[in-house]
PDB file of all heavy atoms in Angstrom:
ATOM      1  N   SER A   1     -20.223 -28.052  23.650  1.00  0.00           N
ATOM      2  CA  SER A   1     -21.685 -28.329  23.540  1.00  0.00           C
ATOM      3  C   SER A   1     -22.568 -27.075  24.038  1.00  0.00           C
ATOM      4  O   SER A   1     -22.139 -26.357  24.901  1.00  0.00           O
ATOM      5  CB  SER A   1     -22.060 -29.510  24.380  1.00  0.00           C
ATOM      6  OG  SER A   1     -21.348 -30.692  24.040  1.00  0.00           O
ATOM      7  N   LEU A   2     -23.679 -27.074  23.411  1.00  0.00           N
ATOM      8  CA  LEU A   2     -24.787 -26.090  23.908  1.00  0.00           C
ATOM      9  C   LEU A   2     -26.044 -26.778  23.827  1.00  0.00           C
ATOM     10  O   LEU A   2     -26.239 -27.701  22.984  1.00  0.00           O
ATOM     11  CB  LEU A   2     -24.775 -24.859  22.991  1.00  0.00           C
ATOM     12  CG  LEU A   2     -23.658 -23.777  23.159  1.00  0.00           C
ATOM     13  CD1 LEU A   2     -23.759 -22.730  22.032  1.00  0.00           C
ATOM     14  CD2 LEU A   2     -23.711 -23.178  24.491  1.00  0.00           C
ATOM     15  N   ARG A   3     -27.027 -26.339  24.577  1.00  0.00           N
ATOM     16  CA  ARG A   3     -28.410 -26.808  24.553  1.00  0.00           C
ATOM     17  C   ARG A   3     -29.324 -25.656  24.285  1.00  0.00           C
ATOM     18  O   ARG A   3     -29.410 -24.757  25.188  1.00  0.00           O
ATOM     19  CB  ARG A   3     -28.835 -27.554  25.774  1.00  0.00           C
ATOM     20  CG  ARG A   3     -30.154 -28.275  25.696  1.00  0.00           C
ATOM     21  CD  ARG A   3     -30.590 -28.715  27.086  1.00  0.00           C
ATOM     22  NE  ARG A   3     -31.700 -29.748  26.993  1.00  0.00           N
ATOM     23  CZ  ARG A   3     -32.524 -30.068  28.003  1.00  0.00           C
ATOM     24  NH1 ARG A   3     -32.404 -29.407  29.159  1.00  0.00           N
ATOM     25  NH2 ARG A   3     -33.419 -30.932  27.811  1.00  0.00           N
ATOM     26  N   LEU A   4     -30.015 -25.603  23.203  1.00  0.00           N
ATOM     27  CA  LEU A   4     -30.958 -24.572  22.892  1.00  0.00           C
ATOM     28  C   LEU A   4     -32.321 -25.026  23.325  1.00  0.00           C
ATOM     29  O   LEU A   4     -32.721 -26.147  23.291  1.00  0.00           O
ATOM     30  CB  LEU A   4     -30.970 -24.310  21.398  1.00  0.00           C
ATOM     31  CG  LEU A   4     -29.596 -23.931  20.722  1.00  0.00           C
ATOM     32  CD1 LEU A   4     -29.877 -23.597  19.244  1.00  0.00           C
ATOM     33  CD2 LEU A   4     -28.925 -22.779  21.413  1.00  0.00           C
ATOM     34  N   SER A   5     -33.083 -24.078  23.876  1.00  0.00           N
ATOM     35  CA  SER A   5     -34.503 -24.248  24.224  1.00  0.00           C
ATOM     36  C   SER A   5     -35.418 -23.278  23.458  1.00  0.00           C
ATOM     37  O   SER A   5     -35.023 -22.163  23.146  1.00  0.00           O
ATOM     38  CB  SER A   5     -34.701 -24.102  25.690  1.00  0.00           C
ATOM     39  OG  SER A   5     -33.839 -24.974  26.470  1.00  0.00           O
ATOM     40  N   CYS A   6     -36.545 -23.745  23.197  1.00  0.00           N
ATOM     41  CA  CYS A   6     -37.595 -22.866  22.561  1.00  0.00           C
ATOM     42  C   CYS A   6     -38.904 -23.077  23.293  1.00  0.00           C
ATOM     43  O   CYS A   6     -39.462 -24.257  23.295  1.00  0.00           O
ATOM     44  CB  CYS A   6     -37.727 -23.189  21.137  1.00  0.00           C
ATOM     45  SG  CYS A   6     -39.122 -22.319  20.294  1.00  0.00           S
ATOM     46  N   VAL A   7     -39.427 -22.124  23.958  1.00  0.00           N
ATOM     47  CA  VAL A   7     -40.707 -22.227  24.642  1.00  0.00           C
ATOM     48  C   VAL A   7     -41.762 -21.564  23.820  1.00  0.00           C
ATOM     49  O   VAL A   7     -41.682 -20.416  23.451  1.00  0.00           O
ATOM     50  CB  VAL A   7     -40.573 -21.522  26.007  1.00  0.00           C
ATOM     51  CG1 VAL A   7     -41.923 -21.578  26.783  1.00  0.00           C
ATOM     52  CG2 VAL A   7     -39.437 -22.102  26.894  1.00  0.00           C
ATOM     53  N   ALA A   8     -42.920 -22.326  23.616  1.00  0.00           N
ATOM     54  CA  ALA A   8     -44.004 -21.790  22.888  1.00  0.00           C
ATOM     55  C   ALA A   8     -45.180 -21.401  23.709  1.00  0.00           C
ATOM     56  O   ALA A   8     -45.425 -21.952  24.781  1.00  0.00           O
ATOM     57  CB  ALA A   8     -44.500 -22.963  21.884  1.00  0.00           C
ATOM     58  N   SER A   9     -45.918 -20.374  23.275  1.00  0.00           N
ATOM     59  CA  SER A   9     -47.180 -19.980  23.901  1.00  0.00           C
ATOM     60  C   SER A   9     -48.145 -19.541  22.850  1.00  0.00           C
ATOM     61  O   SER A   9     -47.774 -19.228  21.659  1.00  0.00           O
ATOM     62  CB  SER A   9     -46.888 -18.879  24.877  1.00  0.00           C
ATOM     63  OG  SER A   9     -46.347 -17.720  24.224  1.00  0.00           O
ATOM     64  N   GLY A  10     -49.448 -19.607  23.175  1.00  0.00           N
ATOM     65  CA  GLY A  10     -50.454 -19.258  22.249  1.00  0.00           C
ATOM     66  C   GLY A  10     -50.847 -20.283  21.252  1.00  0.00           C
ATOM     67  O   GLY A  10     -51.585 -19.993  20.282  1.00  0.00           O
ATOM     68  N   ILE A  11     -50.288 -21.495  21.354  1.00  0.00           N
ATOM     69  CA  ILE A  11     -50.657 -22.554  20.514  1.00  0.00           C
ATOM     70  C   ILE A  11     -50.845 -23.881  21.334  1.00  0.00           C
ATOM     71  O   ILE A  11     -50.547 -23.902  22.534  1.00  0.00           O
ATOM     72  CB  ILE A  11     -49.522 -22.963  19.553  1.00  0.00           C
ATOM     73  CG1 ILE A  11     -48.282 -23.366  20.234  1.00  0.00           C
ATOM     74  CG2 ILE A  11     -49.304 -21.758  18.580  1.00  0.00           C
ATOM     75  CD1 ILE A  11     -47.181 -23.866  19.287  1.00  0.00           C
ATOM     76  N   ILE A  12     -51.601 -24.855  20.793  1.00  0.00           N
ATOM     77  CA  ILE A  12     -51.736 -26.095  21.352  1.00  0.00           C
ATOM     78  C   ILE A  12     -50.399 -26.963  20.970  1.00  0.00           C
ATOM     79  O   ILE A  12     -50.450 -27.506  19.908  1.00  0.00           O
ATOM     80  CB  ILE A  12     -52.939 -26.796  21.015  1.00  0.00           C
ATOM     81  CG1 ILE A  12     -54.231 -25.936  21.320  1.00  0.00           C
ATOM     82  CG2 ILE A  12     -53.091 -28.149  21.699  1.00  0.00           C
ATOM     83  CD1 ILE A  12     -55.516 -26.496  20.868  1.00  0.00           C
ATOM     84  N   PHE A  13     -49.432 -26.836  21.820  1.00  0.00           N
ATOM     85  CA  PHE A  13     -48.120 -27.226  21.348  1.00  0.00           C
ATOM     86  C   PHE A  13     -48.074 -28.660  20.889  1.00  0.00           C
ATOM     87  O   PHE A  13     -47.433 -28.970  19.888  1.00  0.00           O
ATOM     88  CB  PHE A  13     -47.163 -27.014  22.576  1.00  0.00           C
ATOM     89  CG  PHE A  13     -45.754 -27.400  22.251  1.00  0.00           C
ATOM     90  CD1 PHE A  13     -44.902 -26.517  21.601  1.00  0.00           C
ATOM     91  CD2 PHE A  13     -45.240 -28.673  22.720  1.00  0.00           C
ATOM     92  CE1 PHE A  13     -43.682 -26.887  21.371  1.00  0.00           C
ATOM     93  CE2 PHE A  13     -43.932 -28.928  22.446  1.00  0.00           C
ATOM     94  CZ  PHE A  13     -43.160 -28.106  21.808  1.00  0.00           C
ATOM     95  N   ARG A  14     -48.788 -29.562  21.514  1.00  0.00           N
ATOM     96  CA  ARG A  14     -48.661 -30.985  21.155  1.00  0.00           C
ATOM     97  C   ARG A  14     -49.114 -31.295  19.745  1.00  0.00           C
ATOM     98  O   ARG A  14     -48.842 -32.358  19.205  1.00  0.00           O
ATOM     99  CB  ARG A  14     -49.420 -31.787  22.135  1.00  0.00           C
ATOM    100  CG  ARG A  14     -50.859 -31.595  22.234  1.00  0.00           C
ATOM    101  CD  ARG A  14     -51.399 -32.403  23.504  1.00  0.00           C
ATOM    102  NE  ARG A  14     -52.823 -32.059  23.744  1.00  0.00           N
ATOM    103  CZ  ARG A  14     -53.860 -32.706  23.246  1.00  0.00           C
ATOM    104  NH1 ARG A  14     -53.675 -33.702  22.480  1.00  0.00           N
ATOM    105  NH2 ARG A  14     -55.121 -32.330  23.457  1.00  0.00           N
ATOM    106  N   PHE A  15     -49.935 -30.408  19.123  1.00  0.00           N
ATOM    107  CA  PHE A  15     -50.403 -30.539  17.773  1.00  0.00           C
ATOM    108  C   PHE A  15     -49.394 -30.033  16.710  1.00  0.00           C
ATOM    109  O   PHE A  15     -49.644 -30.281  15.537  1.00  0.00           O
ATOM    110  CB  PHE A  15     -51.701 -29.814  17.571  1.00  0.00           C
ATOM    111  CG  PHE A  15     -52.911 -30.383  18.366  1.00  0.00           C
ATOM    112  CD1 PHE A  15     -53.969 -29.605  18.688  1.00  0.00           C
ATOM    113  CD2 PHE A  15     -52.849 -31.762  18.713  1.00  0.00           C
ATOM    114  CE1 PHE A  15     -55.060 -30.192  19.377  1.00  0.00           C
ATOM    115  CE2 PHE A  15     -53.856 -32.229  19.492  1.00  0.00           C
ATOM    116  CZ  PHE A  15     -54.970 -31.502  19.777  1.00  0.00           C
ATOM    117  N   TYR A  16     -48.343 -29.394  17.141  1.00  0.00           N
ATOM    118  CA  TYR A  16     -47.419 -28.673  16.178  1.00  0.00           C
ATOM    119  C   TYR A  16     -46.210 -29.519  15.828  1.00  0.00           C
ATOM    120  O   TYR A  16     -45.709 -30.198  16.713  1.00  0.00           O
ATOM    121  CB  TYR A  16     -46.987 -27.395  16.778  1.00  0.00           C
ATOM    122  CG  TYR A  16     -47.883 -26.193  16.477  1.00  0.00           C
ATOM    123  CD1 TYR A  16     -49.227 -26.141  17.009  1.00  0.00           C
ATOM    124  CD2 TYR A  16     -47.499 -25.138  15.632  1.00  0.00           C
ATOM    125  CE1 TYR A  16     -50.021 -25.138  16.683  1.00  0.00           C
ATOM    126  CE2 TYR A  16     -48.319 -24.088  15.356  1.00  0.00           C
ATOM    127  CZ  TYR A  16     -49.576 -24.093  15.816  1.00  0.00           C
ATOM    128  OH  TYR A  16     -50.516 -23.008  15.556  1.00  0.00           O
ATOM    129  N   ASN A  17     -45.854 -29.375  14.535  1.00  0.00           N
ATOM    130  CA  ASN A  17     -44.480 -29.860  14.137  1.00  0.00           C
ATOM    131  C   ASN A  17     -43.517 -28.776  14.449  1.00  0.00           C
ATOM    132  O   ASN A  17     -43.717 -27.585  14.161  1.00  0.00           O
ATOM    133  CB  ASN A  17     -44.461 -30.160  12.616  1.00  0.00           C
ATOM    134  CG  ASN A  17     -45.535 -31.203  12.271  1.00  0.00           C
ATOM    135  OD1 ASN A  17     -45.509 -32.289  12.832  1.00  0.00           O
ATOM    136  ND2 ASN A  17     -46.369 -30.868  11.290  1.00  0.00           N
ATOM    137  N   MET A  18     -42.409 -29.136  15.127  1.00  0.00           N
ATOM    138  CA  MET A  18     -41.385 -28.102  15.557  1.00  0.00           C
ATOM    139  C   MET A  18     -40.006 -28.436  14.807  1.00  0.00           C
ATOM    140  O   MET A  18     -39.722 -29.536  14.493  1.00  0.00           O
ATOM    141  CB  MET A  18     -41.202 -28.189  17.041  1.00  0.00           C
ATOM    142  CG  MET A  18     -42.440 -28.088  17.852  1.00  0.00           C
ATOM    143  SD  MET A  18     -43.280 -26.423  17.643  1.00  0.00           S
ATOM    144  CE  MET A  18     -41.996 -25.310  18.161  1.00  0.00           C
ATOM    145  N   GLY A  19     -39.359 -27.335  14.655  1.00  0.00           N
ATOM    146  CA  GLY A  19     -37.953 -27.450  13.993  1.00  0.00           C
ATOM    147  C   GLY A  19     -37.020 -26.366  14.440  1.00  0.00           C
ATOM    148  O   GLY A  19     -37.501 -25.369  14.957  1.00  0.00           O
ATOM    149  N   TRP A  20     -35.797 -26.742  14.269  1.00  0.00           N
ATOM    150  CA  TRP A  20     -34.730 -25.760  14.440  1.00  0.00           C
ATOM    151  C   TRP A  20     -34.063 -25.487  13.046  1.00  0.00           C
ATOM    152  O   TRP A  20     -33.719 -26.421  12.261  1.00  0.00           O
ATOM    153  CB  TRP A  20     -33.604 -26.251  15.373  1.00  0.00           C
ATOM    154  CG  TRP A  20     -34.010 -26.214  16.749  1.00  0.00           C
ATOM    155  CD1 TRP A  20     -34.595 -27.316  17.508  1.00  0.00           C
ATOM    156  CD2 TRP A  20     -33.960 -25.135  17.667  1.00  0.00           C
ATOM    157  NE1 TRP A  20     -34.809 -26.911  18.765  1.00  0.00           N
ATOM    158  CE2 TRP A  20     -34.489 -25.586  18.974  1.00  0.00           C
ATOM    159  CE3 TRP A  20     -33.643 -23.830  17.491  1.00  0.00           C
ATOM    160  CZ2 TRP A  20     -34.598 -24.734  20.065  1.00  0.00           C
ATOM    161  CZ3 TRP A  20     -33.701 -22.986  18.686  1.00  0.00           C
ATOM    162  CH2 TRP A  20     -34.212 -23.439  19.890  1.00  0.00           C
ATOM    163  N   TYR A  21     -33.899 -24.201  12.744  1.00  0.00           N
ATOM    164  CA  TYR A  21     -33.283 -23.662  11.470  1.00  0.00           C
ATOM    165  C   TYR A  21     -32.101 -22.855  11.891  1.00  0.00           C
ATOM    166  O   TYR A  21     -32.078 -22.346  13.051  1.00  0.00           O
ATOM    167  CB  TYR A  21     -34.293 -22.924  10.615  1.00  0.00           C
ATOM    168  CG  TYR A  21     -35.416 -23.708  10.054  1.00  0.00           C
ATOM    169  CD1 TYR A  21     -36.443 -24.257  10.766  1.00  0.00           C
ATOM    170  CD2 TYR A  21     -35.400 -24.022   8.604  1.00  0.00           C
ATOM    171  CE1 TYR A  21     -37.439 -25.024  10.189  1.00  0.00           C
ATOM    172  CE2 TYR A  21     -36.389 -24.726   8.074  1.00  0.00           C
ATOM    173  CZ  TYR A  21     -37.448 -25.255   8.803  1.00  0.00           C
ATOM    174  OH  TYR A  21     -38.470 -25.928   8.291  1.00  0.00           O
ATOM    175  N   ARG A  22     -31.151 -22.659  10.927  1.00  0.00           N
ATOM    176  CA  ARG A  22     -30.077 -21.748  11.177  1.00  0.00           C
ATOM    177  C   ARG A  22     -29.858 -20.912   9.913  1.00  0.00           C
ATOM    178  O   ARG A  22     -30.072 -21.397   8.855  1.00  0.00           O
ATOM    179  CB  ARG A  22     -28.844 -22.452  11.678  1.00  0.00           C
ATOM    180  CG  ARG A  22     -28.206 -23.421  10.604  1.00  0.00           C
ATOM    181  CD  ARG A  22     -27.018 -24.178  11.301  1.00  0.00           C
ATOM    182  NE  ARG A  22     -26.507 -25.154  10.221  1.00  0.00           N
ATOM    183  CZ  ARG A  22     -25.695 -26.146  10.615  1.00  0.00           C
ATOM    184  NH1 ARG A  22     -25.450 -26.443  11.905  1.00  0.00           N
ATOM    185  NH2 ARG A  22     -25.214 -26.939   9.610  1.00  0.00           N
ATOM    186  N   GLN A  23     -29.232 -19.811  10.107  1.00  0.00           N
ATOM    187  CA  GLN A  23     -28.768 -18.870   9.057  1.00  0.00           C
ATOM    188  C   GLN A  23     -27.399 -18.316   9.367  1.00  0.00           C
ATOM    189  O   GLN A  23     -27.344 -17.556  10.336  1.00  0.00           O
ATOM    190  CB  GLN A  23     -29.741 -17.846   8.795  1.00  0.00           C
ATOM    191  CG  GLN A  23     -29.477 -17.077   7.485  1.00  0.00           C
ATOM    192  CD  GLN A  23     -30.691 -16.139   7.022  1.00  0.00           C
ATOM    193  OE1 GLN A  23     -31.564 -15.863   7.860  1.00  0.00           O
ATOM    194  NE2 GLN A  23     -30.702 -15.882   5.780  1.00  0.00           N
ATOM    195  N   ALA A  24     -26.467 -18.653   8.579  1.00  0.00           N
ATOM    196  CA  ALA A  24     -25.060 -18.148   8.768  1.00  0.00           C
ATOM    197  C   ALA A  24     -24.932 -16.961   7.843  1.00  0.00           C
ATOM    198  O   ALA A  24     -25.642 -16.819   6.867  1.00  0.00           O
ATOM    199  CB  ALA A  24     -24.109 -19.221   8.385  1.00  0.00           C
ATOM    200  N   PRO A  25     -24.035 -16.104   8.143  1.00  0.00           N
ATOM    201  CA  PRO A  25     -23.754 -14.908   7.241  1.00  0.00           C
ATOM    202  C   PRO A  25     -23.555 -15.300   5.818  1.00  0.00           C
ATOM    203  O   PRO A  25     -22.716 -16.174   5.483  1.00  0.00           O
ATOM    204  CB  PRO A  25     -22.505 -14.181   7.867  1.00  0.00           C
ATOM    205  CG  PRO A  25     -22.559 -14.716   9.313  1.00  0.00           C
ATOM    206  CD  PRO A  25     -23.122 -16.072   9.226  1.00  0.00           C
ATOM    207  N   GLY A  26     -24.300 -14.648   4.931  1.00  0.00           N
ATOM    208  CA  GLY A  26     -24.091 -14.861   3.532  1.00  0.00           C
ATOM    209  C   GLY A  26     -24.771 -16.136   3.006  1.00  0.00           C
ATOM    210  O   GLY A  26     -24.621 -16.452   1.808  1.00  0.00           O
ATOM    211  N   LYS A  27     -25.511 -16.882   3.850  1.00  0.00           N
ATOM    212  CA  LYS A  27     -26.164 -18.148   3.420  1.00  0.00           C
ATOM    213  C   LYS A  27     -27.630 -18.118   3.680  1.00  0.00           C
ATOM    214  O   LYS A  27     -28.109 -17.250   4.411  1.00  0.00           O
ATOM    215  CB  LYS A  27     -25.526 -19.313   4.166  1.00  0.00           C
ATOM    216  CG  LYS A  27     -24.076 -19.606   3.902  1.00  0.00           C
ATOM    217  CD  LYS A  27     -23.561 -20.806   4.489  1.00  0.00           C
ATOM    218  CE  LYS A  27     -22.132 -21.125   4.130  1.00  0.00           C
ATOM    219  NZ  LYS A  27     -21.706 -22.382   4.761  1.00  0.00           N
ATOM    220  N   GLN A  28     -28.330 -18.970   3.023  1.00  0.00           N
ATOM    221  CA  GLN A  28     -29.751 -19.111   3.200  1.00  0.00           C
ATOM    222  C   GLN A  28     -30.137 -19.825   4.507  1.00  0.00           C
ATOM    223  O   GLN A  28     -29.332 -20.666   4.962  1.00  0.00           O
ATOM    224  CB  GLN A  28     -30.402 -19.815   1.998  1.00  0.00           C
ATOM    225  CG  GLN A  28     -30.367 -19.057   0.678  1.00  0.00           C
ATOM    226  CD  GLN A  28     -31.108 -19.803  -0.424  1.00  0.00           C
ATOM    227  OE1 GLN A  28     -31.168 -21.004  -0.464  1.00  0.00           O
ATOM    228  NE2 GLN A  28     -31.691 -18.999  -1.242  1.00  0.00           N
ATOM    229  N   ARG A  29     -31.297 -19.547   4.941  1.00  0.00           N
ATOM    230  CA  ARG A  29     -31.743 -20.309   6.206  1.00  0.00           C
ATOM    231  C   ARG A  29     -31.988 -21.774   5.814  1.00  0.00           C
ATOM    232  O   ARG A  29     -32.569 -22.054   4.732  1.00  0.00           O
ATOM    233  CB  ARG A  29     -33.081 -19.697   6.697  1.00  0.00           C
ATOM    234  CG  ARG A  29     -33.466 -20.239   8.057  1.00  0.00           C
ATOM    235  CD  ARG A  29     -34.661 -19.503   8.636  1.00  0.00           C
ATOM    236  NE  ARG A  29     -34.320 -18.111   8.773  1.00  0.00           N
ATOM    237  CZ  ARG A  29     -35.178 -17.215   9.484  1.00  0.00           C
ATOM    238  NH1 ARG A  29     -36.342 -17.628   9.896  1.00  0.00           N
ATOM    239  NH2 ARG A  29     -34.794 -15.937   9.564  1.00  0.00           N
ATOM    240  N   GLU A  30     -31.515 -22.634   6.713  1.00  0.00           N
ATOM    241  CA  GLU A  30     -31.628 -24.127   6.357  1.00  0.00           C
ATOM    242  C   GLU A  30     -32.145 -24.841   7.576  1.00  0.00           C
ATOM    243  O   GLU A  30     -31.921 -24.442   8.730  1.00  0.00           O
ATOM    244  CB  GLU A  30     -30.256 -24.680   5.990  1.00  0.00           C
ATOM    245  CG  GLU A  30     -29.235 -24.539   7.031  1.00  0.00           C
ATOM    246  CD  GLU A  30     -27.875 -25.266   6.706  1.00  0.00           C
ATOM    247  OE1 GLU A  30     -27.845 -26.043   5.665  1.00  0.00           O
ATOM    248  OE2 GLU A  30     -26.934 -25.117   7.447  1.00  0.00           O
ATOM    249  N   LEU A  31     -32.855 -25.973   7.372  1.00  0.00           N
ATOM    250  CA  LEU A  31     -33.299 -26.836   8.393  1.00  0.00           C
ATOM    251  C   LEU A  31     -32.155 -27.623   9.073  1.00  0.00           C
ATOM    252  O   LEU A  31     -31.372 -28.227   8.356  1.00  0.00           O
ATOM    253  CB  LEU A  31     -34.276 -27.874   7.839  1.00  0.00           C
ATOM    254  CG  LEU A  31     -34.901 -28.841   8.833  1.00  0.00           C
ATOM    255  CD1 LEU A  31     -35.707 -28.176   9.949  1.00  0.00           C
ATOM    256  CD2 LEU A  31     -35.697 -29.918   8.096  1.00  0.00           C
ATOM    257  N   VAL A  32     -32.120 -27.506  10.353  1.00  0.00           N
ATOM    258  CA  VAL A  32     -31.084 -28.344  11.124  1.00  0.00           C
ATOM    259  C   VAL A  32     -31.706 -29.561  11.563  1.00  0.00           C
ATOM    260  O   VAL A  32     -31.071 -30.689  11.466  1.00  0.00           O
ATOM    261  CB  VAL A  32     -30.631 -27.463  12.258  1.00  0.00           C
ATOM    262  CG1 VAL A  32     -29.597 -28.285  13.135  1.00  0.00           C
ATOM    263  CG2 VAL A  32     -29.906 -26.157  11.772  1.00  0.00           C
TER     264      VAL A  32
END
């Protein structure tokens, strides 16, 4: 297991839609 974190600044965070994407070698970036 791993736990990823993303800290935002410069935005009103509570108004934003957030997402995690990934890109593997040779593949397109995709929504996780």
